[in-house]
Amino acid sequence: MRAAKKNLLVGVDLGGTNVRAGLVRNGKITALQTRKISSRAKQAVVIDEVCETIAAVLPRGVDGIGIGVPSLVDHGVVYAVNNIPSWREVPLQKILKRRFGVPVFVNNDANCFALGELHFGAGRGYQNLVGLIVGTGLGAGIVINGRLYSGSNGGAGEIGAIAYREKDFEHYCSGRFFHREFGLDGATLQQLAGRGDRKAQAMLAAFGDDFANVIMALLYAYDPEIIVLGGSVSKVYPYFEKRMREKLKAFHFQHSLKKLVMTQTRKPNIAVLAAAALCLDNA
């Protein structure tokens, strides 16, 4: 197995406000470092903060560093990172490789998520997988025949940008839905629904109507064995699953749908593990 070739890795999860780095040994996180970043600072300042966080967990003999970022990545160059204005075009792979002298792999967070589930989570044992992050945005990571598929320019899986109704999928099938339709966030509705509030439960269920069309688009395009949901909205999946499955009765290939496994991520610190999994995909 590819996982056996690289068993001492560092996974880095870069967000818009903080960065987390973890030492991953044989698929388990043995050290974890988290720090806030100066997201409004110059490019070099943020890079130094990321490097300091990595250095805090980096041992001698590490096999590689993987880093997931909330933006488009093309051949190790990061473009327009969310909430970090100075990161418009950053050759991050080259910078980190020069700084630490080990193999470095960079990709967007949705692609990393798919690999993390493939190697360490619900996707183990499958070859064709979609990791779908549903939060403030909507993005997918695609695994075909056991390897990540990023497309020619790193843009594969940007399903949120596909035109849908008068906007796009992200407008209707991310956390924005709850704010727009009900003036509340998904976490608040989840708390209310958990206390038995039927109105909140109905609001969460309504998300399934449009979300079913995202699932159908993924099925028609990639025909995966399993779809794993991550991101904040995935936590309310039990509330909208029934409505979603009702709408999925319109899918043309019901025999394929019956075989499909769909589940929420259940792996703690999946973003750090997912970033480390980039190294395994490139083994």
C-alpha atoms as a PDB file:
ATOM      1  CA  MET A   1       0.000   0.000   0.000  1.00  0.00           C
ATOM      2  CA  ARG A   2       1.119   3.578  -0.678  1.00  0.00           C
ATOM      3  CA  ALA A   3       0.545   4.531   2.981  1.00  0.00           C
ATOM      4  CA  ALA A   4       3.408   2.288   4.063  1.00  0.00           C
ATOM      5  CA  LYS A   5       5.930   4.248   2.013  1.00  0.00           C
ATOM      6  CA  LYS A   6       5.525   7.454   4.020  1.00  0.00           C
ATOM      7  CA  ASN A   7       4.629   7.112   7.673  1.00  0.00           C
ATOM      8  CA  LEU A   8       6.047  10.246   9.324  1.00  0.00           C
ATOM      9  CA  LEU A   9       4.261  13.291   7.934  1.00  0.00           C
ATOM     10  CA  VAL A  10       3.239  16.818   8.834  1.00  0.00           C
ATOM     11  CA  GLY A  11      -0.247  17.978   7.919  1.00  0.00           C
ATOM     12  CA  VAL A  12      -1.041  21.712   7.869  1.00  0.00           C
ATOM     13  CA  ASP A  13      -4.542  23.176   7.823  1.00  0.00           C
ATOM     14  CA  LEU A  14      -4.461  26.863   6.880  1.00  0.00           C
ATOM     15  CA  GLY A  15      -7.637  28.837   7.491  1.00  0.00           C
ATOM     16  CA  GLY A  16      -8.442  32.500   7.183  1.00  0.00           C
ATOM     17  CA  THR A  17      -7.729  33.220  10.862  1.00  0.00           C
ATOM     18  CA  ASN A  18      -5.499  30.421  12.146  1.00  0.00           C
ATOM     19  CA  VAL A  19      -3.179  27.629  11.147  1.00  0.00           C
ATOM     20  CA  ARG A  20      -2.900  24.127  12.593  1.00  0.00           C
ATOM     21  CA  ALA A  21       0.014  21.766  12.072  1.00  0.00           C
ATOM     22  CA  GLY A  22       0.099  18.170  13.208  1.00  0.00           C
ATOM     23  CA  LEU A  23       2.706  15.430  13.215  1.00  0.00           C
ATOM     24  CA  VAL A  24       1.089  12.340  11.725  1.00  0.00           C
ATOM     25  CA  ARG A  25       2.802   9.053  12.515  1.00  0.00           C
ATOM     26  CA  ASN A  26       1.351   5.933  10.893  1.00  0.00           C
ATOM     27  CA  GLY A  27      -2.003   7.638  10.423  1.00  0.00           C
ATOM     28  CA  LYS A  28      -2.320   9.105  13.916  1.00  0.00           C
ATOM     29  CA  ILE A  29      -1.688  12.659  15.110  1.00  0.00           C
ATOM     30  CA  THR A  30       0.999  12.580  17.791  1.00  0.00           C
ATOM     31  CA  ALA A  31       1.618  16.328  18.127  1.00  0.00           C
ATOM     32  CA  LEU A  32      -0.606  19.289  17.296  1.00  0.00           C
ATOM     33  CA  GLN A  33       0.159  23.020  17.176  1.00  0.00           C
ATOM     34  CA  THR A  34      -2.410  25.782  16.619  1.00  0.00           C
ATOM     35  CA  ARG A  35      -1.887  29.539  16.350  1.00  0.00           C
ATOM     36  CA  LYS A  36      -3.699  32.585  15.062  1.00  0.00           C
ATOM     37  CA  ILE A  37      -2.287  34.238  11.984  1.00  0.00           C
ATOM     38  CA  SER A  38      -2.011  37.920  11.132  1.00  0.00           C
ATOM     39  CA  SER A  39      -4.412  37.535   8.225  1.00  0.00           C
ATOM     40  CA  ARG A  40      -4.285  41.235   7.290  1.00  0.00           C
ATOM     41  CA  ALA A  41      -0.497  41.411   7.368  1.00  0.00           C
ATOM     42  CA  LYS A  42       1.947  41.310   4.466  1.00  0.00           C
ATOM     43  CA  GLN A  43       2.491  38.050   2.622  1.00  0.00           C
ATOM     44  CA  ALA A  44       5.910  37.390   4.207  1.00  0.00           C
ATOM     45  CA  VAL A  45       4.561  37.839   7.751  1.00  0.00           C
ATOM     46  CA  VAL A  46       1.870  35.209   7.271  1.00  0.00           C
ATOM     47  CA  ILE A  47       4.346  32.835   5.617  1.00  0.00           C
ATOM     48  CA  ASP A  48       6.661  33.162   8.627  1.00  0.00           C
ATOM     49  CA  GLU A  49       3.778  32.385  10.984  1.00  0.00           C
ATOM     50  CA  VAL A  50       2.895  29.278   8.998  1.00  0.00           C
ATOM     51  CA  CYS A  51       6.547  28.162   9.012  1.00  0.00           C
ATOM     52  CA  GLU A  52       6.880  28.705  12.765  1.00  0.00           C
ATOM     53  CA  THR A  53       3.808  26.553  13.352  1.00  0.00           C
ATOM     54  CA  ILE A  54       5.212  23.782  11.165  1.00  0.00           C
ATOM     55  CA  ALA A  55       8.616  23.973  12.872  1.00  0.00           C
ATOM     56  CA  ALA A  56       6.956  23.434  16.260  1.00  0.00           C
ATOM     57  CA  VAL A  57       5.938  19.876  15.298  1.00  0.00           C
ATOM     58  CA  LEU A  58       8.569  19.013  12.691  1.00  0.00           C
ATOM     59  CA  PRO A  59      10.878  16.122  13.692  1.00  0.00           C
ATOM     60  CA  ARG A  60      14.058  14.965  12.053  1.00  0.00           C
ATOM     61  CA  GLY A  61      13.468  12.413   9.358  1.00  0.00           C
ATOM     62  CA  VAL A  62       9.998  13.601   8.354  1.00  0.00           C
ATOM     63  CA  ASP A  63       8.892  12.125   5.025  1.00  0.00           C
ATOM     64  CA  GLY A  64       6.913  15.111   3.800  1.00  0.00           C
ATOM     65  CA  ILE A  65       4.699  18.098   4.525  1.00  0.00           C
ATOM     66  CA  GLY A  66       1.185  18.499   3.158  1.00  0.00           C
ATOM     67  CA  ILE A  67      -0.759  21.740   3.413  1.00  0.00           C
ATOM     68  CA  GLY A  68      -4.407  22.434   2.666  1.00  0.00           C
ATOM     69  CA  VAL A  69      -5.569  25.965   1.869  1.00  0.00           C
ATOM     70  CA  PRO A  70      -9.039  27.484   1.206  1.00  0.00           C
ATOM     71  CA  SER A  71      -8.278  28.566  -2.353  1.00  0.00           C
ATOM     72  CA  LEU A  72      -7.346  27.449  -5.828  1.00  0.00           C
ATOM     73  CA  VAL A  73      -3.928  25.794  -6.099  1.00  0.00           C
ATOM     74  CA  ASP A  74      -2.117  25.143  -9.366  1.00  0.00           C
ATOM     75  CA  HIS A  75       1.209  23.291  -9.342  1.00  0.00           C
ATOM     76  CA  GLY A  76       2.075  24.418  -5.813  1.00  0.00           C
ATOM     77  CA  VAL A  77       1.090  28.055  -6.368  1.00  0.00           C
ATOM     78  CA  VAL A  78      -1.711  29.346  -4.142  1.00  0.00           C
ATOM     79  CA  TYR A  79      -4.139  31.917  -5.553  1.00  0.00           C
ATOM     80  CA  ALA A  80      -6.450  34.320  -3.687  1.00  0.00           C
ATOM     81  CA  VAL A  81      -6.677  32.726  -0.247  1.00  0.00           C
ATOM     82  CA  ASN A  82      -9.947  33.479   1.518  1.00  0.00           C
ATOM     83  CA  ASN A  83      -9.527  36.133   4.250  1.00  0.00           C
ATOM     84  CA  ILE A  84      -5.782  36.619   3.606  1.00  0.00           C
ATOM     85  CA  PRO A  85      -5.725  39.578   1.161  1.00  0.00           C
ATOM     86  CA  SER A  86      -1.946  39.576   0.667  1.00  0.00           C
ATOM     87  CA  TRP A  87      -1.971  35.985  -0.615  1.00  0.00           C
ATOM     88  CA  ARG A  88      -2.980  36.635  -4.220  1.00  0.00           C
ATOM     89  CA  GLU A  89      -0.316  34.451  -5.875  1.00  0.00           C
ATOM     90  CA  VAL A  90       2.053  32.627  -3.534  1.00  0.00           C
ATOM     91  CA  PRO A  91       4.502  29.887  -4.676  1.00  0.00           C
ATOM     92  CA  LEU A  92       3.942  28.150  -1.351  1.00  0.00           C
ATOM     93  CA  GLN A  93       5.304  24.743  -2.314  1.00  0.00           C
ATOM     94  CA  LYS A  94       8.615  26.236  -3.440  1.00  0.00           C
ATOM     95  CA  ILE A  95       8.877  28.448  -0.332  1.00  0.00           C
ATOM     96  CA  LEU A  96       8.244  25.632   2.146  1.00  0.00           C
ATOM     97  CA  LYS A  97      10.472  23.165   0.317  1.00  0.00           C
ATOM     98  CA  ARG A  98      13.317  25.688   0.419  1.00  0.00           C
ATOM     99  CA  ARG A  99      12.665  26.425   4.113  1.00  0.00           C
ATOM    100  CA  PHE A 100      12.464  22.827   5.367  1.00  0.00           C
ATOM    101  CA  GLY A 101      14.329  20.770   2.767  1.00  0.00           C
ATOM    102  CA  VAL A 102      11.705  18.004   2.511  1.00  0.00           C
ATOM    103  CA  PRO A 103       9.005  17.156  -0.061  1.00  0.00           C
ATOM    104  CA  VAL A 104       6.040  19.554   0.175  1.00  0.00           C
ATOM    105  CA  PHE A 105       2.593  19.166  -1.364  1.00  0.00           C
ATOM    106  CA  VAL A 106      -0.092  21.871  -1.484  1.00  0.00           C
ATOM    107  CA  ASN A 107      -3.731  21.639  -2.497  1.00  0.00           C
ATOM    108  CA  ASN A 108      -7.090  23.158  -1.679  1.00  0.00           C
ATOM    109  CA  ASP A 109      -8.946  22.042   1.429  1.00  0.00           C
ATOM    110  CA  ALA A 110     -11.678  20.123  -0.403  1.00  0.00           C
ATOM    111  CA  ASN A 111      -9.144  18.035  -2.329  1.00  0.00           C
ATOM    112  CA  CYS A 112      -7.289  17.366   0.897  1.00  0.00           C
ATOM    113  CA  PHE A 113     -10.515  16.382   2.642  1.00  0.00           C
ATOM    114  CA  ALA A 114     -11.246  13.739   0.006  1.00  0.00           C
ATOM    115  CA  LEU A 115      -7.767  12.249   0.407  1.00  0.00           C
ATOM    116  CA  GLY A 116      -8.035  12.343   4.195  1.00  0.00           C
ATOM    117  CA  GLU A 117     -11.223  10.305   4.105  1.00  0.00           C
ATOM    118  CA  LEU A 118      -9.706   7.932   1.533  1.00  0.00           C
ATOM    119  CA  HIS A 119      -6.640   7.140   3.624  1.00  0.00           C
ATOM    120  CA  PHE A 120      -7.775   7.699   7.204  1.00  0.00           C
ATOM    121  CA  GLY A 121     -11.570   7.955   7.356  1.00  0.00           C
ATOM    122  CA  ALA A 122     -14.829   6.640   5.933  1.00  0.00           C
ATOM    123  CA  GLY A 123     -13.343   6.217   2.462  1.00  0.00           C
ATOM    124  CA  ARG A 124     -10.889   3.481   3.356  1.00  0.00           C
ATOM    125  CA  GLY A 125     -11.437   0.500   1.077  1.00  0.00           C
ATOM    126  CA  TYR A 126     -12.996   2.551  -1.727  1.00  0.00           C
ATOM    127  CA  GLN A 127     -11.428   3.665  -5.001  1.00  0.00           C
ATOM    128  CA  ASN A 128     -13.914   6.261  -6.271  1.00  0.00           C
ATOM    129  CA  LEU A 129     -14.879   8.919  -3.749  1.00  0.00           C
ATOM    130  CA  VAL A 130     -16.181  12.463  -3.470  1.00  0.00           C
ATOM    131  CA  GLY A 131     -15.377  14.526  -0.382  1.00  0.00           C
ATOM    132  CA  LEU A 132     -17.934  17.329  -0.264  1.00  0.00           C
ATOM    133  CA  ILE A 133     -17.269  20.265   2.080  1.00  0.00           C
ATOM    134  CA  VAL A 134     -20.488  22.094   2.916  1.00  0.00           C
ATOM    135  CA  GLY A 135     -19.911  25.172   5.059  1.00  0.00           C
ATOM    136  CA  THR A 136     -19.819  28.865   4.255  1.00  0.00           C
ATOM    137  CA  GLY A 137     -18.908  27.664   0.756  1.00  0.00           C
ATOM    138  CA  LEU A 138     -19.337  24.474  -1.267  1.00  0.00           C
ATOM    139  CA  GLY A 139     -16.469  22.507  -2.773  1.00  0.00           C
ATOM    140  CA  ALA A 140     -15.604  18.927  -3.622  1.00  0.00           C
ATOM    141  CA  GLY A 141     -12.510  16.769  -3.793  1.00  0.00           C
ATOM    142  CA  ILE A 142     -12.614  13.989  -6.373  1.00  0.00           C
ATOM    143  CA  VAL A 143     -10.811  10.646  -6.070  1.00  0.00           C
ATOM    144  CA  ILE A 144     -10.826   8.390  -9.148  1.00  0.00           C
ATOM    145  CA  ASN A 145      -9.257   4.926  -9.092  1.00  0.00           C
ATOM    146  CA  GLY A 146      -7.639   5.679  -5.755  1.00  0.00           C
ATOM    147  CA  ARG A 147      -5.933   8.921  -6.799  1.00  0.00           C
ATOM    148  CA  LEU A 148      -6.896  12.545  -6.466  1.00  0.00           C
ATOM    149  CA  TYR A 149      -8.221  14.141  -9.649  1.00  0.00           C
ATOM    150  CA  SER A 150      -7.546  17.895  -9.708  1.00  0.00           C
ATOM    151  CA  GLY A 151      -8.002  18.600 -13.418  1.00  0.00           C
ATOM    152  CA  SER A 152      -5.564  20.324 -15.770  1.00  0.00           C
ATOM    153  CA  ASN A 153      -5.366  23.553 -13.740  1.00  0.00           C
ATOM    154  CA  GLY A 154      -6.402  22.454 -10.254  1.00  0.00           C
ATOM    155  CA  GLY A 155     -10.035  23.475 -10.690  1.00  0.00           C
ATOM    156  CA  ALA A 156     -11.809  20.098 -10.690  1.00  0.00           C
ATOM    157  CA  GLY A 157     -14.422  19.746  -7.966  1.00  0.00           C
ATOM    158  CA  GLU A 158     -15.450  23.418  -7.814  1.00  0.00           C
ATOM    159  CA  ILE A 159     -19.066  22.332  -7.906  1.00  0.00           C
ATOM    160  CA  GLY A 160     -20.234  25.368  -5.950  1.00  0.00           C
ATOM    161  CA  ALA A 161     -19.482  27.567  -8.971  1.00  0.00           C
ATOM    162  CA  ILE A 162     -21.777  25.619 -11.327  1.00  0.00           C
ATOM    163  CA  ALA A 163     -24.730  27.713 -12.493  1.00  0.00           C
ATOM    164  CA  TYR A 164     -27.935  26.724 -10.721  1.00  0.00           C
ATOM    165  CA  ARG A 165     -31.286  28.474 -10.903  1.00  0.00           C
ATOM    166  CA  GLU A 166     -30.481  32.208 -11.136  1.00  0.00           C
ATOM    167  CA  LYS A 167     -27.207  31.935  -9.143  1.00  0.00           C
ATOM    168  CA  ASP A 168     -24.999  28.899  -8.511  1.00  0.00           C
ATOM    169  CA  PHE A 169     -24.964  25.804  -6.311  1.00  0.00           C
ATOM    170  CA  GLU A 170     -23.013  27.542  -3.552  1.00  0.00           C
ATOM    171  CA  HIS A 171     -25.728  30.186  -3.183  1.00  0.00           C
ATOM    172  CA  TYR A 172     -28.384  27.568  -2.445  1.00  0.00           C
ATOM    173  CA  CYS A 173     -26.408  24.655  -1.008  1.00  0.00           C
ATOM    174  CA  SER A 174     -24.095  26.112   1.633  1.00  0.00           C
ATOM    175  CA  GLY A 175     -24.548  27.750   5.027  1.00  0.00           C
ATOM    176  CA  ARG A 176     -25.710  30.876   3.202  1.00  0.00           C
ATOM    177  CA  PHE A 177     -29.047  29.135   2.659  1.00  0.00           C
ATOM    178  CA  PHE A 178     -30.040  29.331   6.337  1.00  0.00           C
ATOM    179  CA  HIS A 179     -29.021  32.976   6.724  1.00  0.00           C
ATOM    180  CA  ARG A 180     -30.865  33.987   3.568  1.00  0.00           C
ATOM    181  CA  GLU A 181     -34.050  32.003   4.105  1.00  0.00           C
ATOM    182  CA  PHE A 182     -34.442  32.144   7.875  1.00  0.00           C
ATOM    183  CA  GLY A 183     -32.008  34.743   9.220  1.00  0.00           C
ATOM    184  CA  LEU A 184     -30.277  32.141  11.404  1.00  0.00           C
ATOM    185  CA  ASP A 185     -27.093  30.099  11.072  1.00  0.00           C
ATOM    186  CA  GLY A 186     -27.073  26.324  10.855  1.00  0.00           C
ATOM    187  CA  ALA A 187     -25.481  25.899  14.291  1.00  0.00           C
ATOM    188  CA  THR A 188     -28.277  27.856  15.992  1.00  0.00           C
ATOM    189  CA  LEU A 189     -30.922  25.888  14.132  1.00  0.00           C
ATOM    190  CA  GLN A 190     -29.174  22.652  15.086  1.00  0.00           C
ATOM    191  CA  GLN A 191     -29.312  23.595  18.776  1.00  0.00           C
ATOM    192  CA  LEU A 192     -33.001  24.444  18.545  1.00  0.00           C
ATOM    193  CA  ALA A 193     -33.778  21.299  16.568  1.00  0.00           C
ATOM    194  CA  GLY A 194     -31.909  19.202  19.119  1.00  0.00           C
ATOM    195  CA  ARG A 195     -34.246  20.543  21.811  1.00  0.00           C
ATOM    196  CA  GLY A 196     -37.244  19.360  19.820  1.00  0.00           C
ATOM    197  CA  ASP A 197     -38.118  22.630  18.093  1.00  0.00           C
ATOM    198  CA  ARG A 198     -40.169  21.412  15.127  1.00  0.00           C
ATOM    199  CA  LYS A 199     -39.974  24.708  13.270  1.00  0.00           C
ATOM    200  CA  ALA A 200     -36.157  24.573  13.380  1.00  0.00           C
ATOM    201  CA  GLN A 201     -36.233  20.944  12.277  1.00  0.00           C
ATOM    202  CA  ALA A 202     -38.363  21.915   9.279  1.00  0.00           C
ATOM    203  CA  MET A 203     -35.955  24.733   8.390  1.00  0.00           C
ATOM    204  CA  LEU A 204     -33.034  22.322   8.385  1.00  0.00           C
ATOM    205  CA  ALA A 205     -35.002  19.758   6.391  1.00  0.00           C
ATOM    206  CA  ALA A 206     -35.690  22.345   3.677  1.00  0.00           C
ATOM    207  CA  PHE A 207     -31.977  22.397   2.828  1.00  0.00           C
ATOM    208  CA  GLY A 208     -32.341  18.906   1.337  1.00  0.00           C
ATOM    209  CA  ASP A 209     -34.465  20.065  -1.599  1.00  0.00           C
ATOM    210  CA  ASP A 210     -31.718  21.938  -3.446  1.00  0.00           C
ATOM    211  CA  PHE A 211     -28.889  19.859  -2.009  1.00  0.00           C
ATOM    212  CA  ALA A 212     -30.266  16.785  -3.778  1.00  0.00           C
ATOM    213  CA  ASN A 213     -29.426  18.478  -7.080  1.00  0.00           C
ATOM    214  CA  VAL A 214     -25.782  18.852  -6.039  1.00  0.00           C
ATOM    215  CA  ILE A 215     -25.665  15.135  -5.283  1.00  0.00           C
ATOM    216  CA  MET A 216     -27.238  14.301  -8.644  1.00  0.00           C
ATOM    217  CA  ALA A 217     -24.693  16.496 -10.446  1.00  0.00           C
ATOM    218  CA  LEU A 218     -21.869  14.628  -8.696  1.00  0.00           C
ATOM    219  CA  LEU A 219     -23.412  11.258  -9.527  1.00  0.00           C
ATOM    220  CA  TYR A 220     -23.863  12.110 -13.193  1.00  0.00           C
ATOM    221  CA  ALA A 221     -20.326  13.509 -13.465  1.00  0.00           C
ATOM    222  CA  TYR A 222     -18.299  11.039 -11.387  1.00  0.00           C
ATOM    223  CA  ASP A 223     -20.481   8.059 -10.360  1.00  0.00           C
ATOM    224  CA  PRO A 224     -18.607   7.585  -7.037  1.00  0.00           C
ATOM    225  CA  GLU A 225     -18.905   4.664  -4.651  1.00  0.00           C
ATOM    226  CA  ILE A 226     -19.080   6.952  -1.624  1.00  0.00           C
ATOM    227  CA  ILE A 227     -19.733  10.620  -0.852  1.00  0.00           C
ATOM    228  CA  VAL A 228     -18.406  11.904   2.468  1.00  0.00           C
ATOM    229  CA  LEU A 229     -19.789  15.174   3.797  1.00  0.00           C
ATOM    230  CA  GLY A 230     -17.627  17.593   5.766  1.00  0.00           C
ATOM    231  CA  GLY A 231     -17.895  21.223   6.861  1.00  0.00           C
ATOM    232  CA  SER A 232     -20.249  22.867   9.337  1.00  0.00           C
ATOM    233  CA  VAL A 233     -23.475  22.083   7.459  1.00  0.00           C
ATOM    234  CA  SER A 234     -22.655  18.360   7.369  1.00  0.00           C
ATOM    235  CA  LYS A 235     -23.438  18.269  11.098  1.00  0.00           C
ATOM    236  CA  VAL A 236     -27.138  18.766  10.351  1.00  0.00           C
ATOM    237  CA  TYR A 237     -27.243  16.014   7.695  1.00  0.00           C
ATOM    238  CA  PRO A 238     -29.647  13.849   9.742  1.00  0.00           C
ATOM    239  CA  TYR A 239     -32.222  16.651   9.572  1.00  0.00           C
ATOM    240  CA  PHE A 240     -32.154  17.128   5.794  1.00  0.00           C
ATOM    241  CA  GLU A 241     -31.309  13.601   4.638  1.00  0.00           C
ATOM    242  CA  LYS A 242     -34.946  12.477   4.283  1.00  0.00           C
ATOM    243  CA  ARG A 243     -35.961  15.457   2.126  1.00  0.00           C
ATOM    244  CA  MET A 244     -32.809  15.036   0.051  1.00  0.00           C
ATOM    245  CA  ARG A 245     -33.528  11.364  -0.593  1.00  0.00           C
ATOM    246  CA  GLU A 246     -37.093  12.164  -1.627  1.00  0.00           C
ATOM    247  CA  LYS A 247     -35.748  14.524  -4.288  1.00  0.00           C
ATOM    248  CA  LEU A 248     -33.164  11.947  -5.364  1.00  0.00           C
ATOM    249  CA  LYS A 249     -36.010   9.791  -6.671  1.00  0.00           C
ATOM    250  CA  ALA A 250     -35.719  11.960  -9.796  1.00  0.00           C
ATOM    251  CA  PHE A 251     -32.194  10.596 -10.459  1.00  0.00           C
ATOM    252  CA  HIS A 252     -32.243   8.529 -13.660  1.00  0.00           C
ATOM    253  CA  PHE A 253     -30.028   5.669 -12.496  1.00  0.00           C
ATOM    254  CA  GLN A 254     -31.649   4.386  -9.327  1.00  0.00           C
ATOM    255  CA  HIS A 255     -29.616   1.163  -9.402  1.00  0.00           C
ATOM    256  CA  SER A 256     -26.453   3.263  -8.977  1.00  0.00           C
ATOM    257  CA  LEU A 257     -28.060   5.322  -6.225  1.00  0.00           C
ATOM    258  CA  LYS A 258     -28.873   2.174  -4.236  1.00  0.00           C
ATOM    259  CA  LYS A 259     -25.174   1.256  -4.188  1.00  0.00           C
ATOM    260  CA  LEU A 260     -24.018   4.738  -3.174  1.00  0.00           C
ATOM    261  CA  VAL A 261     -22.739   5.199   0.370  1.00  0.00           C
ATOM    262  CA  MET A 262     -23.284   8.681   1.789  1.00  0.00           C
ATOM    263  CA  THR A 263     -22.070   9.634   5.247  1.00  0.00           C
ATOM    264  CA  GLN A 264     -20.756  12.450   7.425  1.00  0.00           C
ATOM    265  CA  THR A 265     -17.103  12.617   8.363  1.00  0.00           C
ATOM    266  CA  ARG A 266     -16.476  11.209  11.817  1.00  0.00           C
ATOM    267  CA  LYS A 267     -12.704  11.587  12.002  1.00  0.00           C
ATOM    268  CA  PRO A 268     -11.400  14.083  14.612  1.00  0.00           C
ATOM    269  CA  ASN A 269      -8.942  16.656  13.217  1.00  0.00           C
ATOM    270  CA  ILE A 270      -9.680  15.454   9.700  1.00  0.00           C
ATOM    271  CA  ALA A 271      -8.301  18.677   8.136  1.00  0.00           C
ATOM    272  CA  VAL A 272      -4.805  18.007   9.528  1.00  0.00           C
ATOM    273  CA  LEU A 273      -4.893  14.327   8.580  1.00  0.00           C
ATOM    274  CA  ALA A 274      -6.250  15.299   5.167  1.00  0.00           C
ATOM    275  CA  ALA A 275      -3.343  17.640   4.480  1.00  0.00           C
ATOM    276  CA  ALA A 276      -0.873  14.909   5.459  1.00  0.00           C
ATOM    277  CA  ALA A 277      -2.661  12.559   3.029  1.00  0.00           C
ATOM    278  CA  LEU A 278      -1.415  14.728   0.153  1.00  0.00           C
ATOM    279  CA  CYS A 279       1.969  13.136   0.712  1.00  0.00           C
ATOM    280  CA  LEU A 280       0.455   9.667   0.324  1.00  0.00           C
ATOM    281  CA  ASP A 281      -1.285  10.569  -2.901  1.00  0.00           C
ATOM    282  CA  ASN A 282       2.057  11.696  -4.303  1.00  0.00           C
ATOM    283  CA  ALA A 283       4.023   8.663  -3.092  1.00  0.00           C
END
